[in-house]
Amino acid sequence: MYEYKFVQTHLGGIFREAKHRETIEQYAAQGWRFKQVLPVNYNQHGKPTDYEIIFERVIQ
């Protein structure tokens, strides 16, 4: 059986620095495995602005 963690982040842009690599490395060090990334918010032009990174790990 697995447990899941959902972490909202952004992948950068003109005024924001991307933090996805640091987030993935941080959770991997805690035993979480990267599963998937999904867009969760969009700007007025339909471009994704925020994402949810999904992690999983085996329940001990």
N, C-alpha and C. Protein backbone atom coordinates (compact mmCIF):
# COMPACT_ATOMS: atom_id res chain seq x y z
N MET A 1 0.84 -1.17 0.00
CA MET A 1 0.00 0.00 0.00
C MET A 1 0.89 1.24 0.00
N TYR A 2 0.43 2.29 -0.64
CA TYR A 2 1.19 3.52 -0.77
C TYR A 2 0.48 4.68 -0.10
N GLU A 3 1.27 5.67 0.30
CA GLU A 3 0.72 6.94 0.74
C GLU A 3 1.21 8.00 -0.24
N TYR A 4 0.47 9.09 -0.35
CA TYR A 4 0.77 10.12 -1.34
C TYR A 4 0.86 11.49 -0.67
N LYS A 5 1.71 12.34 -1.25
CA LYS A 5 1.85 13.72 -0.79
C LYS A 5 1.72 14.60 -2.02
N PHE A 6 0.96 15.69 -1.87
CA PHE A 6 0.70 16.62 -2.96
C PHE A 6 1.29 17.97 -2.58
N VAL A 7 2.24 18.47 -3.39
CA VAL A 7 2.95 19.71 -3.07
C VAL A 7 2.75 20.69 -4.22
N GLN A 8 2.19 21.86 -3.91
CA GLN A 8 1.98 22.86 -4.95
C GLN A 8 3.25 23.69 -5.13
N THR A 9 3.61 23.96 -6.38
CA THR A 9 4.81 24.73 -6.71
C THR A 9 4.60 25.43 -8.04
N HIS A 10 5.60 26.19 -8.48
CA HIS A 10 5.58 26.81 -9.79
C HIS A 10 6.87 26.47 -10.52
N LEU A 11 6.83 26.50 -11.82
CA LEU A 11 7.99 26.13 -12.61
C LEU A 11 8.73 27.34 -13.18
N GLY A 12 8.54 28.47 -12.55
CA GLY A 12 9.27 29.67 -12.94
C GLY A 12 8.51 30.54 -13.91
N GLY A 13 9.15 31.58 -14.33
CA GLY A 13 8.56 32.53 -15.25
C GLY A 13 9.38 33.81 -15.23
N ILE A 14 8.82 34.87 -15.73
CA ILE A 14 9.55 36.14 -15.82
C ILE A 14 9.93 36.66 -14.44
N PHE A 15 9.01 36.61 -13.49
CA PHE A 15 9.25 37.20 -12.17
C PHE A 15 9.42 36.16 -11.06
N ARG A 16 9.39 34.89 -11.40
CA ARG A 16 9.48 33.85 -10.37
C ARG A 16 10.52 32.82 -10.76
N GLU A 17 11.29 32.41 -9.77
CA GLU A 17 12.31 31.39 -9.98
C GLU A 17 11.70 30.00 -9.81
N ALA A 18 12.08 29.08 -10.66
CA ALA A 18 11.59 27.70 -10.56
C ALA A 18 12.14 27.03 -9.31
N LYS A 19 11.29 26.28 -8.61
CA LYS A 19 11.69 25.60 -7.38
C LYS A 19 11.45 24.09 -7.44
N HIS A 20 11.06 23.57 -8.61
CA HIS A 20 10.67 22.16 -8.70
C HIS A 20 11.81 21.20 -8.41
N ARG A 21 13.01 21.51 -8.84
CA ARG A 21 14.13 20.59 -8.60
C ARG A 21 14.45 20.48 -7.11
N GLU A 22 14.48 21.63 -6.44
CA GLU A 22 14.74 21.61 -5.00
C GLU A 22 13.65 20.86 -4.24
N THR A 23 12.41 21.04 -4.67
CA THR A 23 11.28 20.35 -4.03
C THR A 23 11.40 18.84 -4.20
N ILE A 24 11.70 18.39 -5.42
CA ILE A 24 11.82 16.95 -5.68
C ILE A 24 12.98 16.36 -4.88
N GLU A 25 14.12 17.05 -4.85
CA GLU A 25 15.28 16.56 -4.09
C GLU A 25 14.98 16.51 -2.59
N GLN A 26 14.29 17.51 -2.08
CA GLN A 26 13.94 17.56 -0.66
C GLN A 26 13.07 16.36 -0.27
N TYR A 27 12.04 16.08 -1.03
CA TYR A 27 11.15 14.98 -0.70
C TYR A 27 11.79 13.62 -0.97
N ALA A 28 12.63 13.52 -1.98
CA ALA A 28 13.35 12.28 -2.26
C ALA A 28 14.25 11.91 -1.08
N ALA A 29 14.87 12.90 -0.47
CA ALA A 29 15.73 12.66 0.70
C ALA A 29 14.94 12.13 1.89
N GLN A 30 13.63 12.37 1.89
CA GLN A 30 12.75 11.89 2.97
C GLN A 30 12.09 10.55 2.61
N GLY A 31 12.50 9.96 1.50
CA GLY A 31 11.98 8.66 1.11
C GLY A 31 10.79 8.70 0.16
N TRP A 32 10.40 9.88 -0.30
CA TRP A 32 9.30 10.00 -1.25
C TRP A 32 9.82 9.80 -2.67
N ARG A 33 9.00 9.20 -3.52
CA ARG A 33 9.34 8.99 -4.92
C ARG A 33 8.45 9.89 -5.77
N PHE A 34 9.08 10.63 -6.71
CA PHE A 34 8.32 11.47 -7.63
C PHE A 34 7.39 10.59 -8.46
N LYS A 35 6.12 10.97 -8.53
CA LYS A 35 5.14 10.19 -9.27
C LYS A 35 4.66 10.92 -10.52
N GLN A 36 4.24 12.20 -10.35
CA GLN A 36 3.64 12.92 -11.47
C GLN A 36 3.57 14.41 -11.14
N VAL A 37 3.43 15.24 -12.17
CA VAL A 37 3.20 16.67 -11.98
C VAL A 37 1.97 17.06 -12.81
N LEU A 38 1.10 17.86 -12.20
CA LEU A 38 -0.14 18.28 -12.86
C LEU A 38 -0.29 19.80 -12.77
N PRO A 39 -0.72 20.46 -13.83
CA PRO A 39 -1.01 21.90 -13.72
C PRO A 39 -2.30 22.09 -12.92
N VAL A 40 -2.31 23.11 -12.04
CA VAL A 40 -3.51 23.35 -11.21
C VAL A 40 -4.08 24.75 -11.38
N ASN A 41 -3.28 25.71 -11.84
CA ASN A 41 -3.76 27.07 -12.07
C ASN A 41 -3.25 27.55 -13.42
N TYR A 42 -4.06 28.37 -14.08
CA TYR A 42 -3.73 28.86 -15.42
C TYR A 42 -3.87 30.38 -15.46
N ASN A 43 -3.09 31.03 -16.33
CA ASN A 43 -3.26 32.47 -16.51
C ASN A 43 -4.40 32.74 -17.50
N GLN A 44 -4.64 34.00 -17.81
CA GLN A 44 -5.75 34.37 -18.68
C GLN A 44 -5.57 33.91 -20.13
N HIS A 45 -4.36 33.41 -20.46
CA HIS A 45 -4.11 32.91 -21.81
C HIS A 45 -4.11 31.38 -21.88
N GLY A 46 -4.45 30.74 -20.76
CA GLY A 46 -4.51 29.29 -20.73
C GLY A 46 -3.19 28.59 -20.45
N LYS A 47 -2.15 29.36 -20.13
CA LYS A 47 -0.86 28.77 -19.82
C LYS A 47 -0.81 28.40 -18.33
N PRO A 48 -0.35 27.20 -17.99
CA PRO A 48 -0.25 26.81 -16.58
C PRO A 48 0.72 27.74 -15.84
N THR A 49 0.33 28.12 -14.62
CA THR A 49 1.18 28.97 -13.79
C THR A 49 1.64 28.26 -12.52
N ASP A 50 0.85 27.36 -12.02
CA ASP A 50 1.18 26.61 -10.80
C ASP A 50 0.92 25.13 -11.05
N TYR A 51 1.70 24.33 -10.36
CA TYR A 51 1.65 22.89 -10.56
C TYR A 51 1.58 22.17 -9.22
N GLU A 52 1.07 20.96 -9.25
CA GLU A 52 1.07 20.10 -8.08
C GLU A 52 1.99 18.91 -8.38
N ILE A 53 3.01 18.75 -7.54
CA ILE A 53 3.91 17.62 -7.69
C ILE A 53 3.40 16.51 -6.77
N ILE A 54 3.25 15.32 -7.31
CA ILE A 54 2.72 14.20 -6.55
C ILE A 54 3.86 13.23 -6.25
N PHE A 55 3.98 12.89 -4.97
CA PHE A 55 4.99 11.94 -4.50
C PHE A 55 4.30 10.74 -3.89
N GLU A 56 4.98 9.60 -3.89
CA GLU A 56 4.45 8.41 -3.23
C GLU A 56 5.55 7.70 -2.47
N ARG A 57 5.15 6.92 -1.48
CA ARG A 57 6.08 6.03 -0.79
C ARG A 57 5.29 4.90 -0.18
N VAL A 58 5.97 3.79 0.03
CA VAL A 58 5.34 2.62 0.62
C VAL A 58 5.06 2.92 2.09
N ILE A 59 3.86 2.56 2.52
CA ILE A 59 3.50 2.71 3.93
C ILE A 59 4.24 1.64 4.71
N GLN A 60 5.00 2.04 5.70
CA GLN A 60 5.79 1.11 6.51
C GLN A 60 4.94 0.46 7.59
